[in-house]
Amino acid sequence: ATAQKLGADDDVDMLVILTACYFHDIVSLAKNHPQRQRSSILAAEETRRLLREEFVQFPAEKIEAVCHAIAAHSFSAQIAPLTTEAKIVQDADRLEALGNIG
């Protein structure tokens, strides 16, 4: 819902945004895990595999955009969002986290 609101006024690909939001935490390593900062990268890799192998009707040309948005959503990964869609996913995730705290 947050990502949809953030993208409502922009010319963005909502399929990319919503798919990235759905899968962004498919791999989430524990806070004390030594590879914790790689969670979003691992989630992007697993999403790529799933979209190619299990969701074969998903548009192939959108897979890398989805995976970039997933990899870039995490603060700890320190990957800059290069697309508006990735920035929206990142912002939505951070806003959702703030809601859970405050």
N, C-alpha and C. Protein backbone atom coordinates (compact mmCIF):
# COMPACT_ATOMS: atom_id res chain seq x y z
N ALA A 1 0.82 -1.19 0.00
CA ALA A 1 0.00 0.00 0.00
C ALA A 1 0.87 1.26 0.00
N THR A 2 1.93 1.26 0.79
CA THR A 2 2.81 2.42 0.85
C THR A 2 3.48 2.66 -0.50
N ALA A 3 3.99 1.61 -1.11
CA ALA A 3 4.65 1.74 -2.41
C ALA A 3 3.67 2.22 -3.47
N GLN A 4 2.45 1.73 -3.43
CA GLN A 4 1.44 2.17 -4.40
C GLN A 4 1.17 3.66 -4.25
N LYS A 5 1.08 4.13 -3.02
CA LYS A 5 0.85 5.55 -2.77
C LYS A 5 2.03 6.38 -3.25
N LEU A 6 3.24 5.92 -2.98
CA LEU A 6 4.43 6.67 -3.40
C LEU A 6 4.55 6.75 -4.91
N GLY A 7 4.11 5.72 -5.61
CA GLY A 7 4.24 5.69 -7.06
C GLY A 7 3.03 6.20 -7.82
N ALA A 8 2.00 6.60 -7.10
CA ALA A 8 0.73 6.95 -7.74
C ALA A 8 0.83 8.12 -8.71
N ASP A 9 1.65 9.09 -8.42
CA ASP A 9 1.72 10.29 -9.26
C ASP A 9 2.87 10.26 -10.26
N ASP A 10 3.64 9.20 -10.26
CA ASP A 10 4.79 9.11 -11.16
C ASP A 10 4.49 8.17 -12.32
N ASP A 11 5.26 8.34 -13.38
CA ASP A 11 5.17 7.42 -14.52
C ASP A 11 6.13 6.27 -14.23
N VAL A 12 5.64 5.29 -13.47
CA VAL A 12 6.48 4.18 -13.03
C VAL A 12 5.84 2.86 -13.42
N ASP A 13 6.63 1.81 -13.35
CA ASP A 13 6.15 0.47 -13.66
C ASP A 13 5.70 -0.19 -12.35
N MET A 14 4.40 -0.19 -12.12
CA MET A 14 3.87 -0.73 -10.87
C MET A 14 4.09 -2.23 -10.76
N LEU A 15 4.18 -2.95 -11.87
CA LEU A 15 4.45 -4.38 -11.80
C LEU A 15 5.84 -4.61 -11.19
N VAL A 16 6.81 -3.83 -11.60
CA VAL A 16 8.16 -3.93 -11.04
C VAL A 16 8.13 -3.60 -9.55
N ILE A 17 7.47 -2.52 -9.19
CA ILE A 17 7.41 -2.08 -7.79
C ILE A 17 6.73 -3.13 -6.92
N LEU A 18 5.55 -3.56 -7.32
CA LEU A 18 4.79 -4.49 -6.49
C LEU A 18 5.46 -5.86 -6.39
N THR A 19 6.08 -6.31 -7.48
CA THR A 19 6.80 -7.58 -7.44
C THR A 19 8.00 -7.48 -6.50
N ALA A 20 8.73 -6.38 -6.59
CA ALA A 20 9.88 -6.18 -5.70
C ALA A 20 9.43 -6.11 -4.24
N CYS A 21 8.33 -5.44 -3.99
CA CYS A 21 7.81 -5.36 -2.62
C CYS A 21 7.42 -6.74 -2.10
N TYR A 22 6.81 -7.52 -2.96
CA TYR A 22 6.37 -8.85 -2.55
C TYR A 22 7.54 -9.76 -2.18
N PHE A 23 8.63 -9.67 -2.95
CA PHE A 23 9.76 -10.59 -2.77
C PHE A 23 10.94 -10.01 -1.99
N HIS A 24 10.92 -8.75 -1.61
CA HIS A 24 12.14 -8.10 -1.11
C HIS A 24 12.74 -8.73 0.14
N ASP A 25 11.95 -9.38 0.94
CA ASP A 25 12.48 -10.02 2.15
C ASP A 25 12.45 -11.54 2.07
N ILE A 26 12.48 -12.08 0.86
CA ILE A 26 12.42 -13.54 0.69
C ILE A 26 13.65 -14.21 1.32
N VAL A 27 14.76 -13.49 1.38
CA VAL A 27 15.93 -13.92 2.15
C VAL A 27 16.21 -12.82 3.16
N SER A 28 16.19 -13.17 4.42
CA SER A 28 16.44 -12.20 5.49
C SER A 28 17.29 -12.88 6.56
N LEU A 29 18.55 -12.53 6.56
CA LEU A 29 19.48 -13.13 7.53
C LEU A 29 19.33 -12.43 8.88
N ALA A 30 19.59 -13.16 9.93
CA ALA A 30 19.47 -12.63 11.29
C ALA A 30 20.36 -11.41 11.48
N LYS A 31 19.94 -10.52 12.37
CA LYS A 31 20.68 -9.27 12.62
C LYS A 31 22.14 -9.53 13.00
N ASN A 32 22.41 -10.64 13.67
CA ASN A 32 23.78 -10.94 14.10
C ASN A 32 24.54 -11.84 13.12
N HIS A 33 23.94 -12.15 11.98
CA HIS A 33 24.60 -13.00 10.98
C HIS A 33 25.73 -12.20 10.31
N PRO A 34 26.91 -12.81 10.11
CA PRO A 34 28.03 -12.08 9.52
C PRO A 34 27.77 -11.60 8.09
N GLN A 35 26.84 -12.20 7.39
CA GLN A 35 26.52 -11.79 6.02
C GLN A 35 25.23 -10.96 5.94
N ARG A 36 24.77 -10.43 7.07
CA ARG A 36 23.49 -9.70 7.13
C ARG A 36 23.37 -8.64 6.04
N GLN A 37 24.44 -7.91 5.77
CA GLN A 37 24.38 -6.84 4.77
C GLN A 37 24.12 -7.37 3.36
N ARG A 38 24.24 -8.68 3.15
CA ARG A 38 24.01 -9.27 1.84
C ARG A 38 22.58 -9.80 1.67
N SER A 39 21.74 -9.65 2.69
CA SER A 39 20.37 -10.18 2.62
C SER A 39 19.63 -9.73 1.37
N SER A 40 19.69 -8.44 1.07
CA SER A 40 18.93 -7.95 -0.09
C SER A 40 19.51 -8.47 -1.40
N ILE A 41 20.81 -8.66 -1.46
CA ILE A 41 21.43 -9.21 -2.67
C ILE A 41 21.02 -10.67 -2.85
N LEU A 42 21.03 -11.41 -1.75
CA LEU A 42 20.59 -12.81 -1.81
C LEU A 42 19.11 -12.90 -2.14
N ALA A 43 18.32 -11.97 -1.63
CA ALA A 43 16.89 -11.94 -1.96
C ALA A 43 16.68 -11.66 -3.44
N ALA A 44 17.49 -10.76 -4.00
CA ALA A 44 17.39 -10.46 -5.43
C ALA A 44 17.76 -11.69 -6.26
N GLU A 45 18.80 -12.40 -5.86
CA GLU A 45 19.21 -13.60 -6.59
C GLU A 45 18.14 -14.68 -6.54
N GLU A 46 17.54 -14.88 -5.37
CA GLU A 46 16.48 -15.88 -5.23
C GLU A 46 15.24 -15.47 -6.03
N THR A 47 14.93 -14.19 -6.02
CA THR A 47 13.79 -13.70 -6.80
C THR A 47 14.02 -13.92 -8.29
N ARG A 48 15.22 -13.64 -8.76
CA ARG A 48 15.56 -13.86 -10.17
C ARG A 48 15.31 -15.33 -10.54
N ARG A 49 15.78 -16.23 -9.68
CA ARG A 49 15.59 -17.66 -9.93
C ARG A 49 14.11 -18.01 -9.95
N LEU A 50 13.37 -17.54 -8.97
CA LEU A 50 11.94 -17.86 -8.89
C LEU A 50 11.16 -17.32 -10.08
N LEU A 51 11.44 -16.08 -10.47
CA LEU A 51 10.71 -15.50 -11.59
C LEU A 51 11.00 -16.24 -12.89
N ARG A 52 12.24 -16.67 -13.06
CA ARG A 52 12.61 -17.40 -14.28
C ARG A 52 12.08 -18.83 -14.29
N GLU A 53 12.11 -19.50 -13.13
CA GLU A 53 11.78 -20.92 -13.09
C GLU A 53 10.35 -21.23 -12.67
N GLU A 54 9.78 -20.45 -11.77
CA GLU A 54 8.46 -20.74 -11.23
C GLU A 54 7.37 -19.81 -11.75
N PHE A 55 7.74 -18.62 -12.12
CA PHE A 55 6.79 -17.63 -12.63
C PHE A 55 7.15 -17.33 -14.09
N VAL A 56 7.13 -18.35 -14.91
CA VAL A 56 7.64 -18.25 -16.28
C VAL A 56 6.86 -17.26 -17.14
N GLN A 57 5.65 -16.92 -16.74
CA GLN A 57 4.87 -15.95 -17.51
C GLN A 57 5.20 -14.51 -17.12
N PHE A 58 6.00 -14.33 -16.09
CA PHE A 58 6.41 -12.98 -15.70
C PHE A 58 7.27 -12.40 -16.83
N PRO A 59 7.05 -11.15 -17.22
CA PRO A 59 7.81 -10.57 -18.34
C PRO A 59 9.32 -10.57 -18.07
N ALA A 60 10.05 -11.30 -18.90
CA ALA A 60 11.50 -11.45 -18.73
C ALA A 60 12.22 -10.11 -18.72
N GLU A 61 11.72 -9.16 -19.50
CA GLU A 61 12.39 -7.86 -19.60
C GLU A 61 12.27 -7.03 -18.32
N LYS A 62 11.45 -7.46 -17.38
CA LYS A 62 11.28 -6.72 -16.13
C LYS A 62 12.03 -7.34 -14.95
N ILE A 63 12.57 -8.52 -15.15
CA ILE A 63 13.20 -9.24 -14.04
C ILE A 63 14.38 -8.48 -13.45
N GLU A 64 15.25 -7.94 -14.27
CA GLU A 64 16.42 -7.24 -13.73
C GLU A 64 16.02 -5.97 -13.00
N ALA A 65 14.98 -5.29 -13.45
CA ALA A 65 14.50 -4.09 -12.74
C ALA A 65 13.96 -4.47 -11.37
N VAL A 66 13.23 -5.57 -11.30
CA VAL A 66 12.73 -6.07 -10.01
C VAL A 66 13.90 -6.41 -9.10
N CYS A 67 14.87 -7.13 -9.62
CA CYS A 67 16.01 -7.56 -8.81
C CYS A 67 16.85 -6.38 -8.33
N HIS A 68 17.01 -5.37 -9.17
CA HIS A 68 17.74 -4.17 -8.73
C HIS A 68 16.99 -3.48 -7.59
N ALA A 69 15.68 -3.36 -7.72
CA ALA A 69 14.89 -2.72 -6.67
C ALA A 69 15.01 -3.48 -5.35
N ILE A 70 15.04 -4.79 -5.43
CA ILE A 70 15.19 -5.61 -4.22
C ILE A 70 16.58 -5.42 -3.61
N ALA A 71 17.61 -5.50 -4.43
CA ALA A 71 18.97 -5.36 -3.92
C ALA A 71 19.20 -3.98 -3.31
N ALA A 72 18.62 -2.95 -3.91
CA ALA A 72 18.85 -1.57 -3.47
C ALA A 72 17.97 -1.14 -2.30
N HIS A 73 16.98 -1.93 -1.94
CA HIS A 73 16.04 -1.48 -0.91
C HIS A 73 16.68 -1.41 0.48
N SER A 74 17.71 -2.18 0.71
CA SER A 74 18.29 -2.30 2.05
C SER A 74 19.33 -1.22 2.33
N PHE A 75 19.21 -0.60 3.49
CA PHE A 75 20.19 0.40 3.91
C PHE A 75 21.57 -0.24 4.07
N SER A 76 21.62 -1.42 4.66
CA SER A 76 22.91 -2.05 4.97
C SER A 76 23.67 -2.52 3.73
N ALA A 77 22.97 -2.76 2.64
CA ALA A 77 23.65 -3.20 1.41
C ALA A 77 24.42 -2.07 0.74
N GLN A 78 24.02 -0.84 1.01
CA GLN A 78 24.67 0.35 0.44
C GLN A 78 24.71 0.31 -1.09
N ILE A 79 23.58 -0.07 -1.69
CA ILE A 79 23.43 -0.07 -3.14
C ILE A 79 22.50 1.08 -3.50
N ALA A 80 22.97 1.99 -4.31
CA ALA A 80 22.15 3.15 -4.68
C ALA A 80 21.04 2.72 -5.63
N PRO A 81 19.82 3.19 -5.39
CA PRO A 81 18.73 2.90 -6.33
C PRO A 81 18.93 3.71 -7.61
N LEU A 82 18.97 3.03 -8.74
CA LEU A 82 19.25 3.69 -10.02
C LEU A 82 18.00 3.99 -10.82
N THR A 83 16.86 3.53 -10.35
CA THR A 83 15.59 3.77 -11.05
C THR A 83 14.58 4.35 -10.07
N THR A 84 13.58 5.00 -10.62
CA THR A 84 12.50 5.52 -9.77
C THR A 84 11.81 4.38 -9.04
N GLU A 85 11.61 3.27 -9.72
CA GLU A 85 10.97 2.11 -9.10
C GLU A 85 11.78 1.62 -7.89
N ALA A 86 13.08 1.53 -8.04
CA ALA A 86 13.94 1.09 -6.93
C ALA A 86 13.88 2.07 -5.77
N LYS A 87 13.86 3.36 -6.07
CA LYS A 87 13.78 4.38 -5.02
C LYS A 87 12.45 4.28 -4.28
N ILE A 88 11.37 4.03 -4.99
CA ILE A 88 10.06 3.89 -4.35
C ILE A 88 10.05 2.68 -3.43
N VAL A 89 10.59 1.56 -3.88
CA VAL A 89 10.65 0.36 -3.03
C VAL A 89 11.49 0.64 -1.79
N GLN A 90 12.61 1.30 -1.96
CA GLN A 90 13.48 1.64 -0.83
C GLN A 90 12.75 2.56 0.16
N ASP A 91 12.12 3.61 -0.36
CA ASP A 91 11.40 4.55 0.50
C ASP A 91 10.24 3.87 1.22
N ALA A 92 9.50 3.04 0.51
CA ALA A 92 8.36 2.35 1.12
C ALA A 92 8.83 1.43 2.24
N ASP A 93 9.92 0.71 2.01
CA ASP A 93 10.44 -0.19 3.04
C ASP A 93 10.87 0.59 4.28
N ARG A 94 11.51 1.72 4.08
CA ARG A 94 11.96 2.54 5.21
C ARG A 94 10.78 3.15 5.96
N LEU A 95 9.79 3.61 5.22
CA LEU A 95 8.59 4.15 5.88
C LEU A 95 7.86 3.08 6.67
N GLU A 96 7.77 1.89 6.11
CA GLU A 96 7.13 0.78 6.82
C GLU A 96 7.90 0.44 8.09
N ALA A 97 9.23 0.47 8.02
CA ALA A 97 10.05 0.18 9.20
C ALA A 97 9.83 1.23 10.28
N LEU A 98 9.72 2.49 9.88
CA LEU A 98 9.46 3.55 10.85
C LEU A 98 8.11 3.35 11.52
N GLY A 99 7.14 2.90 10.76
CA GLY A 99 5.81 2.64 11.32
C GLY A 99 5.85 1.56 12.37
N ASN A 100 6.71 0.59 12.18
CA ASN A 100 6.84 -0.50 13.15
C ASN A 100 7.55 -0.05 14.41
N ILE A 101 8.34 1.01 14.31
CA ILE A 101 9.08 1.52 15.47
C ILE A 101 8.23 2.54 16.23
N GLY A 102 7.65 3.48 15.47
CA GLY A 102 6.96 4.62 16.08
C GLY A 102 5.54 4.47 16.28
